[in-house]
Amino acid sequence: MSESVKRALITGITGQDGSYLAEHLLALGYKVHGIVRRVAFEREGTRLSRIAHLTDLVTLHSGSLESYASLYKIVQDVQPDEVYHLGAQSFVSYSFDDPFSTFQSNINGTHFLLEAVRLIVPQCRFYFAGSSEMFGQVTESPQTESTKFHPRSPYGISKVTGFDLSRNYREAYGMFVCSGILFNHESPRRGLEFVTRKITWHVAQIKQGKKTQLALGNLDALRDWGFAGDFVIAMHCMLQQSQPDDYVIATGETHTVREFCELAFSHVGLNYEDYVVVDPKFYRPAEVHLLLGDTTKARQTLGWKPQVAFRELVHMMVDHDLAALSD
């Protein structure tokens, strides 16, 4: 590792996690580089919106996870001390609609980046963004680092493959590679296609009389929801350890989609039952009913624990969307 200012390279820097991670690393004094698709430079207002306040502080490189040549050149140019591989097709429902592009981006992108790092900067520390969706149909609860994977979506399958690739590069080549098995983590920067942000955005719209109804799928699905800003701190902590390893990152408590709705609507003085309708089209072909993480290892080894509670997270997201509609 370099003894001078550390250089970090982030894939997916324009996403929710990437933007929070970039902020955190900049605050720690890193030089931060990010990979973005060329189209992002053409549509900065939308594609770069989450990092608009950071564009003068980070260095962005045009590249694609589906192009080994572009990744190789970027790694060669940046010579990173740490790589955070967050970029992926991460919307579970879409992975059922187009599993081929999900596999292409998530599996090949991970393999291409690992190989480029191995050949150019083998001493670089590498973080892979795993997912609780890898557990899928769980065999035990809560889930730990040793719980068997049984993914129930193309997205989950792609993440299991990326996890196995990352572990193989660690074991076969002695690289410092860590995987974070992150449970659901949300924020005001979450995309509108995700159920949590879909709920809070609709709450704001309904409160202001712009919508009258919210259609959702399985209201009884249980998820372990935390704040994305907390979770990126765990990512950085993993790469500061003396030995590489894999960690479950979660809050250790579950809530249903129904509870999320209840909290969000009540925050603005409304009853969710007056507005929420169940639409079968929003059910997954293979449903994941319960995800709950055991963070004992992360707490003991990394000294990490979540700071933002569930109620606080929901209220934060609703308040943001109300403010956004008022602008």
C-alpha atoms as a PDB file:
ATOM      1  CA  MET A   1       0.000   0.000   0.000  1.00  0.00           C
ATOM      2  CA  SER A   2       1.181   3.500  -0.801  1.00  0.00           C
ATOM      3  CA  GLU A   3       2.427   5.560   2.155  1.00  0.00           C
ATOM      4  CA  SER A   4       1.373   8.771   0.422  1.00  0.00           C
ATOM      5  CA  VAL A   5      -2.225   9.797  -0.276  1.00  0.00           C
ATOM      6  CA  LYS A   6      -4.260   6.691  -1.037  1.00  0.00           C
ATOM      7  CA  ARG A   7      -6.003   6.342  -4.378  1.00  0.00           C
ATOM      8  CA  ALA A   8      -9.394   4.645  -4.458  1.00  0.00           C
ATOM      9  CA  LEU A   9     -11.215   3.512  -7.588  1.00  0.00           C
ATOM     10  CA  ILE A  10     -15.001   3.078  -7.344  1.00  0.00           C
ATOM     11  CA  THR A  11     -17.219   1.357  -9.884  1.00  0.00           C
ATOM     12  CA  GLY A  12     -20.824   2.452  -9.567  1.00  0.00           C
ATOM     13  CA  ILE A  13     -19.767   5.821  -8.160  1.00  0.00           C
ATOM     14  CA  THR A  14     -22.917   7.460  -9.555  1.00  0.00           C
ATOM     15  CA  GLY A  15     -25.166   5.117  -7.574  1.00  0.00           C
ATOM     16  CA  GLN A  16     -26.487   5.388  -4.041  1.00  0.00           C
ATOM     17  CA  ASP A  17     -23.608   3.499  -2.395  1.00  0.00           C
ATOM     18  CA  GLY A  18     -20.939   4.963  -4.651  1.00  0.00           C
ATOM     19  CA  SER A  19     -21.910   8.530  -3.817  1.00  0.00           C
ATOM     20  CA  TYR A  20     -21.878   7.927  -0.053  1.00  0.00           C
ATOM     21  CA  LEU A  21     -18.594   6.016  -0.287  1.00  0.00           C
ATOM     22  CA  ALA A  22     -16.974   8.778  -2.341  1.00  0.00           C
ATOM     23  CA  GLU A  23     -17.986  11.322   0.321  1.00  0.00           C
ATOM     24  CA  HIS A  24     -16.576   9.122   3.091  1.00  0.00           C
ATOM     25  CA  LEU A  25     -13.251   8.503   1.347  1.00  0.00           C
ATOM     26  CA  LEU A  26     -12.813  12.172   0.441  1.00  0.00           C
ATOM     27  CA  ALA A  27     -13.359  13.055   4.107  1.00  0.00           C
ATOM     28  CA  LEU A  28     -10.564  10.613   4.982  1.00  0.00           C
ATOM     29  CA  GLY A  29      -8.179  12.327   2.556  1.00  0.00           C
ATOM     30  CA  TYR A  30      -8.284   9.858  -0.344  1.00  0.00           C
ATOM     31  CA  LYS A  31      -7.905  10.743  -3.992  1.00  0.00           C
ATOM     32  CA  VAL A  32     -11.109   9.278  -5.403  1.00  0.00           C
ATOM     33  CA  HIS A  33     -11.552   7.999  -8.945  1.00  0.00           C
ATOM     34  CA  GLY A  34     -14.782   6.651 -10.395  1.00  0.00           C
ATOM     35  CA  ILE A  35     -15.817   4.704 -13.470  1.00  0.00           C
ATOM     36  CA  VAL A  36     -18.899   5.912 -15.326  1.00  0.00           C
ATOM     37  CA  ARG A  37     -20.454   5.061 -18.652  1.00  0.00           C
ATOM     38  CA  ARG A  38     -19.801   7.531 -21.456  1.00  0.00           C
ATOM     39  CA  VAL A  39     -23.524   8.361 -21.617  1.00  0.00           C
ATOM     40  CA  ALA A  40     -23.285   9.764 -18.077  1.00  0.00           C
ATOM     41  CA  PHE A  41     -21.135  12.619 -19.345  1.00  0.00           C
ATOM     42  CA  GLU A  42     -23.753  13.361 -21.997  1.00  0.00           C
ATOM     43  CA  ARG A  43     -26.606  13.421 -19.461  1.00  0.00           C
ATOM     44  CA  GLU A  44     -24.915  14.836 -16.383  1.00  0.00           C
ATOM     45  CA  GLY A  45     -28.109  16.295 -14.971  1.00  0.00           C
ATOM     46  CA  THR A  46     -29.604  12.844 -14.416  1.00  0.00           C
ATOM     47  CA  ARG A  47     -26.783  10.333 -14.580  1.00  0.00           C
ATOM     48  CA  LEU A  48     -24.426  12.260 -12.293  1.00  0.00           C
ATOM     49  CA  SER A  49     -27.068  13.782 -10.023  1.00  0.00           C
ATOM     50  CA  ARG A  50     -25.997  11.886  -6.873  1.00  0.00           C
ATOM     51  CA  ILE A  51     -22.403  13.119  -7.177  1.00  0.00           C
ATOM     52  CA  ALA A  52     -23.084  16.561  -8.665  1.00  0.00           C
ATOM     53  CA  HIS A  53     -21.650  18.132  -5.504  1.00  0.00           C
ATOM     54  CA  LEU A  54     -18.502  16.016  -5.831  1.00  0.00           C
ATOM     55  CA  THR A  55     -17.567  16.349  -9.509  1.00  0.00           C
ATOM     56  CA  ASP A  56     -14.844  18.920  -8.753  1.00  0.00           C
ATOM     57  CA  LEU A  57     -13.398  16.655  -6.050  1.00  0.00           C
ATOM     58  CA  VAL A  58     -13.270  13.283  -7.828  1.00  0.00           C
ATOM     59  CA  THR A  59     -11.764  12.116 -11.108  1.00  0.00           C
ATOM     60  CA  LEU A  60     -14.210  10.339 -13.401  1.00  0.00           C
ATOM     61  CA  HIS A  61     -13.181   7.876 -16.092  1.00  0.00           C
ATOM     62  CA  SER A  62     -15.340   6.753 -18.997  1.00  0.00           C
ATOM     63  CA  GLY A  63     -15.559   2.962 -19.082  1.00  0.00           C
ATOM     64  CA  SER A  64     -17.811  -0.064 -19.105  1.00  0.00           C
ATOM     65  CA  LEU A  65     -17.934  -3.144 -16.900  1.00  0.00           C
ATOM     66  CA  GLU A  66     -18.599  -5.109 -20.078  1.00  0.00           C
ATOM     67  CA  SER A  67     -15.294  -4.052 -21.646  1.00  0.00           C
ATOM     68  CA  TYR A  68     -12.126  -5.637 -20.282  1.00  0.00           C
ATOM     69  CA  ALA A  69      -9.994  -3.270 -22.376  1.00  0.00           C
ATOM     70  CA  SER A  70     -11.531  -0.147 -20.836  1.00  0.00           C
ATOM     71  CA  LEU A  71     -11.211  -1.500 -17.283  1.00  0.00           C
ATOM     72  CA  TYR A  72      -7.608  -2.527 -17.887  1.00  0.00           C
ATOM     73  CA  LYS A  73      -6.713   0.964 -19.144  1.00  0.00           C
ATOM     74  CA  ILE A  74      -8.415   2.708 -16.216  1.00  0.00           C
ATOM     75  CA  VAL A  75      -6.700   0.504 -13.615  1.00  0.00           C
ATOM     76  CA  GLN A  76      -3.400   1.099 -15.384  1.00  0.00           C
ATOM     77  CA  ASP A  77      -3.921   4.868 -15.405  1.00  0.00           C
ATOM     78  CA  VAL A  78      -5.143   5.160 -11.803  1.00  0.00           C
ATOM     79  CA  GLN A  79      -2.829   2.611 -10.118  1.00  0.00           C
ATOM     80  CA  PRO A  80      -5.289   2.352  -7.210  1.00  0.00           C
ATOM     81  CA  ASP A  81      -4.447   1.327  -3.664  1.00  0.00           C
ATOM     82  CA  GLU A  82      -8.064   0.256  -3.107  1.00  0.00           C
ATOM     83  CA  VAL A  83     -10.809  -0.779  -5.520  1.00  0.00           C
ATOM     84  CA  TYR A  84     -14.473  -0.757  -4.505  1.00  0.00           C
ATOM     85  CA  HIS A  85     -16.506  -2.750  -6.999  1.00  0.00           C
ATOM     86  CA  LEU A  86     -20.058  -1.519  -6.454  1.00  0.00           C
ATOM     87  CA  GLY A  87     -21.182  -1.260 -10.073  1.00  0.00           C
ATOM     88  CA  ALA A  88     -23.856  -3.773 -11.104  1.00  0.00           C
ATOM     89  CA  GLN A  89     -27.322  -4.217 -12.524  1.00  0.00           C
ATOM     90  CA  SER A  90     -28.844  -4.222  -9.048  1.00  0.00           C
ATOM     91  CA  PHE A  91     -32.612  -4.099  -9.535  1.00  0.00           C
ATOM     92  CA  VAL A  92     -33.870  -7.599  -8.730  1.00  0.00           C
ATOM     93  CA  SER A  93     -37.135  -7.410 -10.683  1.00  0.00           C
ATOM     94  CA  TYR A  94     -35.349  -6.257 -13.843  1.00  0.00           C
ATOM     95  CA  SER A  95     -32.982  -9.221 -13.596  1.00  0.00           C
ATOM     96  CA  PHE A  96     -35.966 -11.495 -14.279  1.00  0.00           C
ATOM     97  CA  ASP A  97     -36.885  -9.421 -17.343  1.00  0.00           C
ATOM     98  CA  ASP A  98     -33.364  -9.463 -18.777  1.00  0.00           C
ATOM     99  CA  PRO A  99     -31.148 -12.042 -17.065  1.00  0.00           C
ATOM    100  CA  PHE A 100     -28.651 -12.022 -19.931  1.00  0.00           C
ATOM    101  CA  SER A 101     -27.559  -8.396 -19.465  1.00  0.00           C
ATOM    102  CA  THR A 102     -27.565  -8.898 -15.695  1.00  0.00           C
ATOM    103  CA  PHE A 103     -25.124 -11.807 -16.019  1.00  0.00           C
ATOM    104  CA  GLN A 104     -23.039  -9.976 -18.617  1.00  0.00           C
ATOM    105  CA  SER A 105     -22.579  -6.903 -16.447  1.00  0.00           C
ATOM    106  CA  ASN A 106     -22.419  -8.452 -12.994  1.00  0.00           C
ATOM    107  CA  ILE A 107     -20.385 -11.589 -13.643  1.00  0.00           C
ATOM    108  CA  ASN A 108     -18.090 -10.545 -16.491  1.00  0.00           C
ATOM    109  CA  GLY A 109     -17.615  -7.088 -15.006  1.00  0.00           C
ATOM    110  CA  THR A 110     -16.398  -8.568 -11.733  1.00  0.00           C
ATOM    111  CA  HIS A 111     -14.102 -11.032 -13.508  1.00  0.00           C
ATOM    112  CA  PHE A 112     -12.660  -8.373 -15.830  1.00  0.00           C
ATOM    113  CA  LEU A 113     -11.923  -5.995 -12.958  1.00  0.00           C
ATOM    114  CA  LEU A 114     -10.355  -8.657 -10.734  1.00  0.00           C
ATOM    115  CA  GLU A 115      -8.109  -9.776 -13.575  1.00  0.00           C
ATOM    116  CA  ALA A 116      -7.038  -6.240 -14.435  1.00  0.00           C
ATOM    117  CA  VAL A 117      -6.155  -5.590 -10.788  1.00  0.00           C
ATOM    118  CA  ARG A 118      -4.262  -8.896 -10.562  1.00  0.00           C
ATOM    119  CA  LEU A 119      -2.126  -8.085 -13.592  1.00  0.00           C
ATOM    120  CA  ILE A 120      -1.481  -4.391 -12.929  1.00  0.00           C
ATOM    121  CA  VAL A 121      -1.662  -3.737  -9.164  1.00  0.00           C
ATOM    122  CA  PRO A 122      -1.751  -7.133  -7.420  1.00  0.00           C
ATOM    123  CA  GLN A 123      -1.053  -5.473  -4.050  1.00  0.00           C
ATOM    124  CA  CYS A 124      -4.246  -3.398  -4.387  1.00  0.00           C
ATOM    125  CA  ARG A 125      -7.021  -4.134  -1.893  1.00  0.00           C
ATOM    126  CA  PHE A 126     -10.314  -5.091  -3.535  1.00  0.00           C
ATOM    127  CA  TYR A 127     -13.873  -4.871  -2.211  1.00  0.00           C
ATOM    128  CA  PHE A 128     -16.710  -6.809  -3.864  1.00  0.00           C
ATOM    129  CA  ALA A 129     -20.300  -5.780  -3.170  1.00  0.00           C
ATOM    130  CA  GLY A 130     -22.160  -8.961  -2.329  1.00  0.00           C
ATOM    131  CA  SER A 131     -25.842  -9.048  -1.444  1.00  0.00           C
ATOM    132  CA  SER A 132     -28.267 -10.699   0.939  1.00  0.00           C
ATOM    133  CA  GLU A 133     -30.109 -11.808  -2.218  1.00  0.00           C
ATOM    134  CA  MET A 134     -27.401 -14.479  -2.457  1.00  0.00           C
ATOM    135  CA  PHE A 135     -29.107 -16.274   0.440  1.00  0.00           C
ATOM    136  CA  GLY A 136     -32.511 -16.267  -1.251  1.00  0.00           C
ATOM    137  CA  GLN A 137     -34.468 -19.218   0.125  1.00  0.00           C
ATOM    138  CA  VAL A 138     -32.759 -19.221   3.473  1.00  0.00           C
ATOM    139  CA  THR A 139     -31.851 -22.399   5.313  1.00  0.00           C
ATOM    140  CA  GLU A 140     -31.379 -20.665   8.670  1.00  0.00           C
ATOM    141  CA  SER A 141     -32.143 -17.358  10.285  1.00  0.00           C
ATOM    142  CA  PRO A 142     -30.430 -15.076  10.952  1.00  0.00           C
ATOM    143  CA  GLN A 143     -27.942 -15.472   8.115  1.00  0.00           C
ATOM    144  CA  THR A 144     -24.204 -15.483   8.801  1.00  0.00           C
ATOM    145  CA  GLU A 145     -21.107 -15.608   6.611  1.00  0.00           C
ATOM    146  CA  SER A 146     -21.342 -19.422   6.581  1.00  0.00           C
ATOM    147  CA  THR A 147     -25.053 -19.696   5.697  1.00  0.00           C
ATOM    148  CA  LYS A 148     -25.642 -21.654   2.487  1.00  0.00           C
ATOM    149  CA  PHE A 149     -26.523 -19.627  -0.598  1.00  0.00           C
ATOM    150  CA  HIS A 150     -29.760 -20.431  -2.437  1.00  0.00           C
ATOM    151  CA  PRO A 151     -30.391 -17.425  -4.723  1.00  0.00           C
ATOM    152  CA  ARG A 152     -33.901 -16.950  -6.072  1.00  0.00           C
ATOM    153  CA  SER A 153     -33.271 -14.434  -8.853  1.00  0.00           C
ATOM    154  CA  PRO A 154     -30.839 -13.922 -11.749  1.00  0.00           C
ATOM    155  CA  TYR A 155     -29.454 -10.982  -9.757  1.00  0.00           C
ATOM    156  CA  GLY A 156     -28.818 -13.212  -6.733  1.00  0.00           C
ATOM    157  CA  ILE A 157     -27.182 -15.844  -8.945  1.00  0.00           C
ATOM    158  CA  SER A 158     -24.902 -13.231 -10.502  1.00  0.00           C
ATOM    159  CA  LYS A 159     -23.839 -12.026  -7.066  1.00  0.00           C
ATOM    160  CA  VAL A 160     -23.061 -15.558  -5.852  1.00  0.00           C
ATOM    161  CA  THR A 161     -20.854 -16.000  -8.910  1.00  0.00           C
ATOM    162  CA  GLY A 162     -19.115 -12.690  -8.226  1.00  0.00           C
ATOM    163  CA  PHE A 163     -18.608 -13.717  -4.601  1.00  0.00           C
ATOM    164  CA  ASP A 164     -17.055 -17.024  -5.681  1.00  0.00           C
ATOM    165  CA  LEU A 165     -14.822 -15.267  -8.218  1.00  0.00           C
ATOM    166  CA  SER A 166     -13.632 -12.835  -5.552  1.00  0.00           C
ATOM    167  CA  ARG A 167     -12.882 -15.601  -3.078  1.00  0.00           C
ATOM    168  CA  ASN A 168     -11.036 -17.554  -5.765  1.00  0.00           C
ATOM    169  CA  TYR A 169      -8.776 -14.604  -6.575  1.00  0.00           C
ATOM    170  CA  ARG A 170      -8.021 -14.303  -2.868  1.00  0.00           C
ATOM    171  CA  GLU A 171      -7.217 -17.980  -2.471  1.00  0.00           C
ATOM    172  CA  ALA A 172      -5.542 -18.654  -5.819  1.00  0.00           C
ATOM    173  CA  TYR A 173      -3.451 -15.504  -6.145  1.00  0.00           C
ATOM    174  CA  GLY A 174      -3.096 -14.299  -2.565  1.00  0.00           C
ATOM    175  CA  MET A 175      -4.841 -11.025  -3.340  1.00  0.00           C
ATOM    176  CA  PHE A 176      -6.423  -8.894  -0.632  1.00  0.00           C
ATOM    177  CA  VAL A 177     -10.047  -9.362  -1.658  1.00  0.00           C
ATOM    178  CA  CYS A 178     -13.035  -8.856   0.658  1.00  0.00           C
ATOM    179  CA  SER A 179     -16.733  -9.312   0.045  1.00  0.00           C
ATOM    180  CA  GLY A 180     -19.418  -7.490   1.946  1.00  0.00           C
ATOM    181  CA  ILE A 181     -22.683  -9.433   2.084  1.00  0.00           C
ATOM    182  CA  LEU A 182     -24.852  -6.358   2.405  1.00  0.00           C
ATOM    183  CA  PHE A 183     -28.468  -6.591   3.439  1.00  0.00           C
ATOM    184  CA  ASN A 184     -31.002  -4.040   2.208  1.00  0.00           C
ATOM    185  CA  HIS A 185     -29.673  -0.533   2.651  1.00  0.00           C
ATOM    186  CA  GLU A 186     -31.665   2.520   1.688  1.00  0.00           C
ATOM    187  CA  SER A 187     -31.459   6.314   1.649  1.00  0.00           C
ATOM    188  CA  PRO A 188     -32.932   9.393  -0.008  1.00  0.00           C
ATOM    189  CA  ARG A 189     -30.560   8.589  -2.900  1.00  0.00           C
ATOM    190  CA  ARG A 190     -32.188   5.210  -3.579  1.00  0.00           C
ATOM    191  CA  GLY A 191     -33.583   4.809  -7.093  1.00  0.00           C
ATOM    192  CA  LEU A 192     -37.338   5.271  -7.532  1.00  0.00           C
ATOM    193  CA  GLU A 193     -37.688   1.707  -8.841  1.00  0.00           C
ATOM    194  CA  PHE A 194     -36.815   0.236  -5.428  1.00  0.00           C
ATOM    195  CA  VAL A 195     -39.760  -0.448  -3.130  1.00  0.00           C
ATOM    196  CA  THR A 196     -38.613   1.758  -0.249  1.00  0.00           C
ATOM    197  CA  ARG A 197     -38.127   4.863  -2.366  1.00  0.00           C
ATOM    198  CA  LYS A 198     -41.242   4.025  -4.369  1.00  0.00           C
ATOM    199  CA  ILE A 199     -43.165   4.156  -1.094  1.00  0.00           C
ATOM    200  CA  THR A 200     -41.671   7.402   0.222  1.00  0.00           C
ATOM    201  CA  TRP A 201     -41.986   9.163  -3.143  1.00  0.00           C
ATOM    202  CA  HIS A 202     -45.641   8.172  -3.408  1.00  0.00           C
ATOM    203  CA  VAL A 203     -46.281   9.270   0.183  1.00  0.00           C
ATOM    204  CA  ALA A 204     -44.954  12.727  -0.698  1.00  0.00           C
ATOM    205  CA  GLN A 205     -47.005  12.817  -3.913  1.00  0.00           C
ATOM    206  CA  ILE A 206     -50.187  11.679  -2.145  1.00  0.00           C
ATOM    207  CA  LYS A 207     -49.675  14.165   0.691  1.00  0.00           C
ATOM    208  CA  GLN A 208     -49.483  16.964  -1.865  1.00  0.00           C
ATOM    209  CA  GLY A 209     -52.533  15.723  -3.783  1.00  0.00           C
ATOM    210  CA  LYS A 210     -50.605  14.670  -6.872  1.00  0.00           C
ATOM    211  CA  LYS A 211     -51.398  10.954  -6.571  1.00  0.00           C
ATOM    212  CA  THR A 212     -54.193   8.967  -4.955  1.00  0.00           C
ATOM    213  CA  GLN A 213     -52.875   5.400  -4.853  1.00  0.00           C
ATOM    214  CA  LEU A 214     -49.771   3.245  -4.388  1.00  0.00           C
ATOM    215  CA  ALA A 215     -49.632  -0.248  -5.937  1.00  0.00           C
ATOM    216  CA  LEU A 216     -47.235  -2.732  -4.317  1.00  0.00           C
ATOM    217  CA  GLY A 217     -46.563  -6.457  -4.308  1.00  0.00           C
ATOM    218  CA  ASN A 218     -45.958  -8.631  -1.254  1.00  0.00           C
ATOM    219  CA  LEU A 219     -46.616  -6.461   1.811  1.00  0.00           C
ATOM    220  CA  ASP A 220     -45.558  -9.235   4.181  1.00  0.00           C
ATOM    221  CA  ALA A 221     -42.023  -9.696   2.813  1.00  0.00           C
ATOM    222  CA  LEU A 222     -39.531  -9.269   5.662  1.00  0.00           C
ATOM    223  CA  ARG A 223     -36.310  -7.339   5.110  1.00  0.00           C
ATOM    224  CA  ASP A 224     -33.369  -6.190   7.186  1.00  0.00           C
ATOM    225  CA  TRP A 225     -33.244  -2.489   6.245  1.00  0.00           C
ATOM    226  CA  GLY A 226     -30.393  -0.135   7.121  1.00  0.00           C
ATOM    227  CA  PHE A 227     -28.971   3.218   6.022  1.00  0.00           C
ATOM    228  CA  ALA A 228     -26.593   3.184   3.044  1.00  0.00           C
ATOM    229  CA  GLY A 229     -24.423   5.899   4.608  1.00  0.00           C
ATOM    230  CA  ASP A 230     -23.671   3.547   7.507  1.00  0.00           C
ATOM    231  CA  PHE A 231     -22.951   0.584   5.260  1.00  0.00           C
ATOM    232  CA  VAL A 232     -20.233   2.250   3.159  1.00  0.00           C
ATOM    233  CA  ILE A 233     -18.220   2.801   6.328  1.00  0.00           C
ATOM    234  CA  ALA A 234     -18.132  -0.978   6.776  1.00  0.00           C
ATOM    235  CA  MET A 235     -16.816  -1.373   3.218  1.00  0.00           C
ATOM    236  CA  HIS A 236     -13.843   0.838   3.996  1.00  0.00           C
ATOM    237  CA  CYS A 237     -13.217  -0.878   7.331  1.00  0.00           C
ATOM    238  CA  MET A 238     -12.917  -4.270   5.604  1.00  0.00           C
ATOM    239  CA  LEU A 239     -10.000  -3.086   3.488  1.00  0.00           C
ATOM    240  CA  GLN A 240      -8.140  -1.713   6.520  1.00  0.00           C
ATOM    241  CA  GLN A 241      -7.829  -5.096   8.256  1.00  0.00           C
ATOM    242  CA  SER A 242      -4.621  -7.120   8.439  1.00  0.00           C
ATOM    243  CA  GLN A 243      -6.226 -10.069   6.618  1.00  0.00           C
ATOM    244  CA  PRO A 244      -8.913 -10.166   3.909  1.00  0.00           C
ATOM    245  CA  ASP A 245     -12.246 -11.762   4.781  1.00  0.00           C
ATOM    246  CA  ASP A 246     -15.972 -11.651   4.069  1.00  0.00           C
ATOM    247  CA  TYR A 247     -18.567  -9.980   6.286  1.00  0.00           C
ATOM    248  CA  VAL A 248     -22.332  -9.788   6.680  1.00  0.00           C
ATOM    249  CA  ILE A 249     -23.392  -6.139   6.991  1.00  0.00           C
ATOM    250  CA  ALA A 250     -26.920  -5.620   8.319  1.00  0.00           C
ATOM    251  CA  THR A 251     -28.938  -4.182  11.200  1.00  0.00           C
ATOM    252  CA  GLY A 252     -30.003  -7.507  12.720  1.00  0.00           C
ATOM    253  CA  GLU A 253     -33.708  -6.663  12.761  1.00  0.00           C
ATOM    254  CA  THR A 254     -36.490  -7.193  10.240  1.00  0.00           C
ATOM    255  CA  HIS A 255     -39.533  -5.222   9.199  1.00  0.00           C
ATOM    256  CA  THR A 256     -42.242  -5.939   6.651  1.00  0.00           C
ATOM    257  CA  VAL A 257     -43.043  -3.820   3.633  1.00  0.00           C
ATOM    258  CA  ARG A 258     -46.339  -3.176   5.420  1.00  0.00           C
ATOM    259  CA  GLU A 259     -44.485  -1.702   8.421  1.00  0.00           C
ATOM    260  CA  PHE A 260     -42.479   0.512   6.093  1.00  0.00           C
ATOM    261  CA  CYS A 261     -45.724   1.782   4.549  1.00  0.00           C
ATOM    262  CA  GLU A 262     -47.319   2.347   7.931  1.00  0.00           C
ATOM    263  CA  LEU A 263     -44.385   4.414   9.197  1.00  0.00           C
ATOM    264  CA  ALA A 264     -44.045   6.406   5.990  1.00  0.00           C
ATOM    265  CA  PHE A 265     -47.718   7.334   5.693  1.00  0.00           C
ATOM    266  CA  SER A 266     -48.202   8.033   9.406  1.00  0.00           C
ATOM    267  CA  HIS A 267     -45.224  10.410   9.294  1.00  0.00           C
ATOM    268  CA  VAL A 268     -47.384  12.746   7.182  1.00  0.00           C
ATOM    269  CA  GLY A 269     -50.599  12.049   9.095  1.00  0.00           C
ATOM    270  CA  LEU A 270     -52.085   9.490   6.690  1.00  0.00           C
ATOM    271  CA  ASN A 271     -53.276   5.876   7.040  1.00  0.00           C
ATOM    272  CA  TYR A 272     -51.531   3.600   4.523  1.00  0.00           C
ATOM    273  CA  GLU A 273     -54.613   1.361   4.269  1.00  0.00           C
ATOM    274  CA  ASP A 274     -56.473   4.195   2.543  1.00  0.00           C
ATOM    275  CA  TYR A 275     -53.960   4.373  -0.301  1.00  0.00           C
ATOM    276  CA  VAL A 276     -51.998   1.114  -0.721  1.00  0.00           C
ATOM    277  CA  VAL A 277     -53.341  -1.605  -3.029  1.00  0.00           C
ATOM    278  CA  VAL A 278     -51.765  -4.989  -3.741  1.00  0.00           C
ATOM    279  CA  ASP A 279     -51.060  -5.703  -7.404  1.00  0.00           C
ATOM    280  CA  PRO A 280     -49.957  -9.273  -8.245  1.00  0.00           C
ATOM    281  CA  LYS A 281     -47.777  -8.007 -11.099  1.00  0.00           C
ATOM    282  CA  PHE A 282     -45.308  -6.727  -8.522  1.00  0.00           C
ATOM    283  CA  TYR A 283     -44.746 -10.185  -7.034  1.00  0.00           C
ATOM    284  CA  ARG A 284     -41.478 -11.858  -8.015  1.00  0.00           C
ATOM    285  CA  PRO A 285     -41.558 -15.130  -9.981  1.00  0.00           C
ATOM    286  CA  ALA A 286     -39.629 -16.654  -7.048  1.00  0.00           C
ATOM    287  CA  GLU A 287     -40.277 -14.739  -3.856  1.00  0.00           C
ATOM    288  CA  VAL A 288     -37.746 -14.171  -1.067  1.00  0.00           C
ATOM    289  CA  HIS A 289     -39.784 -13.934   2.109  1.00  0.00           C
ATOM    290  CA  LEU A 290     -37.283 -13.401   4.946  1.00  0.00           C
ATOM    291  CA  LEU A 291     -33.816 -11.890   5.097  1.00  0.00           C
ATOM    292  CA  LEU A 292     -32.156 -11.182   8.454  1.00  0.00           C
ATOM    293  CA  GLY A 293     -28.431 -10.632   8.959  1.00  0.00           C
ATOM    294  CA  ASP A 294     -26.209 -11.649  11.875  1.00  0.00           C
ATOM    295  CA  THR A 295     -23.494  -8.975  12.150  1.00  0.00           C
ATOM    296  CA  THR A 296     -21.567 -10.497  15.051  1.00  0.00           C
ATOM    297  CA  LYS A 297     -18.401 -10.851  12.968  1.00  0.00           C
ATOM    298  CA  ALA A 298     -18.530  -7.277  11.636  1.00  0.00           C
ATOM    299  CA  ARG A 299     -19.167  -5.879  15.100  1.00  0.00           C
ATOM    300  CA  GLN A 300     -16.352  -7.862  16.725  1.00  0.00           C
ATOM    301  CA  THR A 301     -13.722  -7.637  13.971  1.00  0.00           C
ATOM    302  CA  LEU A 302     -14.463  -4.317  12.292  1.00  0.00           C
ATOM    303  CA  GLY A 303     -15.921  -2.525  15.288  1.00  0.00           C
ATOM    304  CA  TRP A 304     -18.836  -1.565  13.035  1.00  0.00           C
ATOM    305  CA  LYS A 305     -22.477  -1.146  13.930  1.00  0.00           C
ATOM    306  CA  PRO A 306     -25.360   0.714  12.265  1.00  0.00           C
ATOM    307  CA  GLN A 307     -26.158   4.201  13.528  1.00  0.00           C
ATOM    308  CA  VAL A 308     -29.472   5.061  11.838  1.00  0.00           C
ATOM    309  CA  ALA A 309     -32.539   3.241  13.174  1.00  0.00           C
ATOM    310  CA  PHE A 310     -35.371   1.976  10.968  1.00  0.00           C
ATOM    311  CA  ARG A 311     -37.891   4.667  11.951  1.00  0.00           C
ATOM    312  CA  GLU A 312     -35.285   7.386  11.475  1.00  0.00           C
ATOM    313  CA  LEU A 313     -34.440   6.007   8.011  1.00  0.00           C
ATOM    314  CA  VAL A 314     -38.071   5.985   6.867  1.00  0.00           C
ATOM    315  CA  HIS A 315     -38.674   9.510   8.135  1.00  0.00           C
ATOM    316  CA  MET A 316     -35.446  10.748   6.514  1.00  0.00           C
ATOM    317  CA  MET A 317     -36.560   9.416   3.133  1.00  0.00           C
ATOM    318  CA  VAL A 318     -40.096  10.820   3.391  1.00  0.00           C
ATOM    319  CA  ASP A 319     -38.810  14.246   4.477  1.00  0.00           C
ATOM    320  CA  HIS A 320     -36.378  14.312   1.540  1.00  0.00           C
ATOM    321  CA  ASP A 321     -39.101  13.512  -0.984  1.00  0.00           C
ATOM    322  CA  LEU A 322     -41.474  16.075   0.493  1.00  0.00           C
ATOM    323  CA  ALA A 323     -38.738  18.706   0.225  1.00  0.00           C
ATOM    324  CA  ALA A 324     -37.893  17.659  -3.318  1.00  0.00           C
ATOM    325  CA  LEU A 325     -41.519  18.109  -4.414  1.00  0.00           C
ATOM    326  CA  SER A 326     -41.664  21.518  -2.745  1.00  0.00           C
ATOM    327  CA  ASP A 327     -38.630  22.868  -4.619  1.00  0.00           C
END
